[in-house]
Amino acid sequence: MVDTAFLITAYVTLFVVIDPIGLAPLFMAITQGLDAARRRSIAVRACLTAIIILSVFAAFGEAVLNFVGISMAAFRVAGGVLLFLTALEMLFERRSKRREDQAEDESPDPSVFPLAIPLIAGPGSIATVILLSGQKPGAEGLFMVIGVMIAVVTVVLLLFLASGLLAPALGKTGINVVTRLLGMLLAALAAQFVLDGLRDFGFAS
């Protein structure tokens, strides 16, 4: 029986954290002046790299935590706080400024840095896949998390490929409105992660 509620929660959480809509104009800025074939190649390579990185953390992240003596409950609280800080950045426009600064540190091939890391597979998305995998232990849960993550990164790829049309259509105001709405949603999801972690410690019912 597929856990539809978990799939929806996982998808919404990852979508908000990765923020495909916010990444599209940055991709356009990073690849400005390149021909269409080169931009497609960079987009595909960046998304495949991010999928590999996030899959590794989804599969082995909890094992690494156990190895260094960090409980999943503690990581839920820490991850929730991290996601809440990300939400605050989205609400007060600090996230866009930080991402623009990271985008300026462009290497000759921007597919791995800064696109795959840290813009797609950043601290927030890495923490999220580890948290989600911990919520649904076992092979089934892992495949569900990886499947949802691939679905979100596929949206990133599609928006990268359509970034030349998307950014002008939304405009700066439209992107800011969407980012703030997603930030509100992420703040609520982050609070839920913290509450789940505290519940595991016995501090909340």
Protein backbone atom coordinates (compact mmCIF):
# COMPACT_ATOMS: atom_id res chain seq x y z
CA MET A 1 0.00 0.00 0.00
CA VAL A 2 1.56 3.29 -1.11
CA ASP A 3 1.68 5.95 1.62
CA THR A 4 0.16 8.81 -0.37
CA ALA A 5 0.33 11.26 2.55
CA PHE A 6 4.07 10.66 2.93
CA LEU A 7 4.63 11.06 -0.82
CA ILE A 8 2.77 14.38 -0.87
CA THR A 9 4.60 15.68 2.21
CA ALA A 10 7.97 14.59 0.83
CA TYR A 11 7.31 16.16 -2.57
CA VAL A 12 6.10 19.47 -1.14
CA THR A 13 9.01 19.66 1.30
CA LEU A 14 11.66 18.95 -1.32
CA PHE A 15 10.00 21.21 -3.88
CA VAL A 16 9.98 24.12 -1.43
CA VAL A 17 13.56 23.50 -0.26
CA ILE A 18 15.06 23.10 -3.74
CA ASP A 19 12.83 25.88 -5.12
CA PRO A 20 12.90 25.11 -8.89
CA ILE A 21 11.14 28.38 -9.76
CA GLY A 22 13.75 30.43 -7.93
CA LEU A 23 16.60 28.52 -9.57
CA ALA A 24 15.40 29.09 -13.15
CA PRO A 25 16.44 32.76 -13.44
CA LEU A 26 19.80 31.97 -11.82
CA PHE A 27 20.41 29.26 -14.40
CA MET A 28 19.57 31.75 -17.11
CA ALA A 29 22.06 34.25 -15.66
CA ILE A 30 24.82 31.65 -15.24
CA THR A 31 24.44 30.35 -18.80
CA GLN A 32 23.91 33.73 -20.42
CA GLY A 33 25.58 33.99 -23.81
CA LEU A 34 25.84 30.23 -24.33
CA ASP A 35 24.13 28.49 -27.24
CA ALA A 36 21.05 26.31 -26.69
CA ALA A 37 22.89 22.99 -27.01
CA ARG A 38 25.48 24.01 -24.40
CA ARG A 39 22.79 25.19 -22.00
CA ARG A 40 20.91 21.90 -22.38
CA SER A 41 24.09 19.96 -21.68
CA ILE A 42 24.82 21.99 -18.54
CA ALA A 43 21.22 21.61 -17.30
CA VAL A 44 21.21 17.82 -17.74
CA ARG A 45 24.65 17.38 -16.16
CA ALA A 46 23.78 19.58 -13.17
CA CYS A 47 20.54 17.72 -12.48
CA LEU A 48 22.11 14.26 -12.84
CA THR A 49 24.92 15.26 -10.47
CA ALA A 50 22.41 16.56 -7.91
CA ILE A 51 20.37 13.33 -8.16
CA ILE A 52 23.46 11.21 -7.47
CA ILE A 53 24.51 13.34 -4.49
CA LEU A 54 21.05 13.40 -2.91
CA SER A 55 20.54 9.66 -3.53
CA VAL A 56 23.79 8.88 -1.69
CA PHE A 57 22.73 10.97 1.30
CA ALA A 58 19.23 9.45 1.28
CA ALA A 59 20.72 5.94 1.32
CA PHE A 60 23.65 6.38 3.69
CA GLY A 61 23.01 9.63 5.55
CA GLU A 62 21.43 7.98 8.61
CA ALA A 63 24.20 5.36 8.76
CA VAL A 64 26.79 8.15 8.81
CA LEU A 65 24.85 9.88 11.61
CA ASN A 66 24.76 6.67 13.64
CA PHE A 67 28.49 6.18 13.06
CA VAL A 68 29.29 9.58 14.59
CA GLY A 69 26.77 9.07 17.39
CA ILE A 70 24.01 11.47 16.30
CA SER A 71 20.45 10.27 16.84
CA MET A 72 17.79 10.71 14.17
CA ALA A 73 15.72 12.72 16.66
CA ALA A 74 18.58 15.19 17.15
CA PHE A 75 19.04 15.47 13.40
CA ARG A 76 15.29 16.11 12.96
CA VAL A 77 15.51 19.05 15.36
CA ALA A 78 18.71 20.40 13.75
CA GLY A 79 17.34 19.84 10.25
CA GLY A 80 14.08 21.55 11.17
CA VAL A 81 15.97 24.58 12.49
CA LEU A 82 18.07 24.69 9.31
CA LEU A 83 14.96 24.54 7.13
CA PHE A 84 13.32 27.25 9.24
CA LEU A 85 16.32 29.52 8.66
CA THR A 86 15.99 28.80 4.93
CA ALA A 87 12.31 29.77 5.17
CA LEU A 88 13.25 33.06 6.85
CA GLU A 89 15.72 33.77 4.06
CA MET A 90 12.98 33.17 1.50
CA LEU A 91 10.53 35.41 3.35
CA PHE A 92 13.00 38.29 3.67
CA GLU A 93 14.69 37.92 0.23
CA ARG A 94 18.05 36.90 1.71
CA ARG A 95 18.04 33.53 -0.06
CA SER A 96 17.97 35.05 -3.55
CA LYS A 97 20.87 37.36 -2.69
CA ARG A 98 22.92 34.45 -1.29
CA ARG A 99 22.23 32.30 -4.34
CA GLU A 100 23.17 35.16 -6.66
CA ASP A 101 26.48 35.50 -4.79
CA GLN A 102 27.09 31.75 -5.19
CA ALA A 103 26.22 31.97 -8.87
CA GLU A 104 28.84 34.68 -9.36
CA ASP A 105 31.54 32.19 -8.24
CA GLU A 106 31.13 30.51 -11.61
CA SER A 107 33.68 27.95 -12.79
CA PRO A 108 34.28 27.25 -16.51
CA ASP A 109 31.68 24.44 -16.36
CA PRO A 110 28.97 25.56 -13.90
CA SER A 111 27.06 22.25 -14.00
CA VAL A 112 28.71 20.84 -10.85
CA PHE A 113 29.47 24.13 -9.09
CA PRO A 114 27.48 26.22 -8.44
CA LEU A 115 24.42 24.56 -10.05
CA ALA A 116 24.47 20.97 -8.70
CA ILE A 117 26.25 22.04 -5.49
CA PRO A 118 25.09 24.09 -3.63
CA LEU A 119 22.10 25.44 -5.56
CA ILE A 120 20.24 22.13 -6.09
CA ALA A 121 21.93 19.71 -3.68
CA GLY A 122 22.61 22.20 -0.91
CA PRO A 123 22.56 21.80 2.89
CA GLY A 124 18.78 22.17 3.02
CA SER A 125 17.99 19.51 0.42
CA ILE A 126 20.62 17.12 1.83
CA ALA A 127 19.16 17.50 5.33
CA THR A 128 15.66 17.00 3.92
CA VAL A 129 16.38 13.69 2.15
CA ILE A 130 18.07 12.35 5.30
CA LEU A 131 15.08 13.42 7.43
CA LEU A 132 12.56 11.93 5.02
CA SER A 133 14.49 8.65 4.79
CA GLY A 134 14.52 8.51 8.58
CA GLN A 135 10.76 9.00 8.71
CA LYS A 136 10.22 6.00 6.41
CA PRO A 137 12.95 3.42 7.19
CA GLY A 138 13.59 0.47 4.91
CA ALA A 139 14.03 -0.11 1.20
CA GLU A 140 10.48 0.98 0.34
CA GLY A 141 10.88 4.31 2.10
CA LEU A 142 14.27 4.87 0.46
CA PHE A 143 12.86 4.24 -3.02
CA MET A 144 9.94 6.56 -2.28
CA VAL A 145 12.26 9.38 -1.15
CA ILE A 146 14.60 8.92 -4.13
CA GLY A 147 11.63 8.75 -6.51
CA VAL A 148 10.15 11.97 -5.12
CA MET A 149 13.56 13.66 -5.24
CA ILE A 150 14.01 12.65 -8.89
CA ALA A 151 10.53 14.03 -9.66
CA VAL A 152 11.44 17.39 -8.10
CA VAL A 153 14.82 17.56 -9.86
CA THR A 154 13.03 16.72 -13.12
CA VAL A 155 10.93 19.85 -12.58
CA VAL A 156 14.19 21.75 -12.03
CA LEU A 157 15.50 20.41 -15.35
CA LEU A 158 12.32 21.35 -17.22
CA LEU A 159 12.40 24.87 -15.79
CA PHE A 160 16.11 25.18 -16.60
CA LEU A 161 15.34 24.28 -20.21
CA ALA A 162 12.41 26.72 -20.27
CA SER A 163 14.16 29.43 -18.22
CA GLY A 164 14.43 31.75 -21.20
CA LEU A 165 10.62 31.94 -21.29
CA LEU A 166 9.77 31.52 -17.59
CA ALA A 167 11.72 34.35 -15.98
CA PRO A 168 10.36 37.13 -18.23
CA ALA A 169 6.82 35.72 -17.87
CA LEU A 170 6.88 35.76 -14.07
CA GLY A 171 8.98 38.88 -13.72
CA LYS A 172 10.90 39.83 -10.59
CA THR A 173 7.68 40.57 -8.68
CA GLY A 174 6.10 37.24 -9.60
CA ILE A 175 9.19 35.31 -8.52
CA ASN A 176 9.27 37.22 -5.21
CA VAL A 177 5.59 36.44 -4.53
CA VAL A 178 6.05 32.72 -5.26
CA THR A 179 9.22 32.61 -3.13
CA ARG A 180 7.45 34.17 -0.14
CA LEU A 181 4.49 31.79 -0.40
CA LEU A 182 6.86 28.82 -0.52
CA GLY A 183 8.77 30.30 2.43
CA MET A 184 5.62 30.36 4.57
CA LEU A 185 4.94 26.72 3.71
CA LEU A 186 8.52 25.71 4.44
CA ALA A 187 8.41 27.42 7.86
CA ALA A 188 5.39 25.29 8.83
CA LEU A 189 7.05 22.10 7.56
CA ALA A 190 10.26 22.96 9.44
CA ALA A 191 8.28 23.46 12.66
CA GLN A 192 6.76 20.00 12.14
CA PHE A 193 10.24 18.44 11.82
CA VAL A 194 11.29 20.07 15.12
CA LEU A 195 8.11 18.89 16.86
CA ASP A 196 8.69 15.34 15.56
CA GLY A 197 12.22 15.39 16.90
CA LEU A 198 11.12 16.72 20.31
CA ARG A 199 8.40 14.04 20.41
CA ASP A 200 11.04 11.38 19.89
CA PHE A 201 12.92 12.83 22.87
CA GLY A 202 9.68 12.80 24.91
CA PHE A 203 9.42 16.59 25.16
CA ALA A 204 6.18 16.88 23.14
CA SER A 205 3.07 14.76 22.98
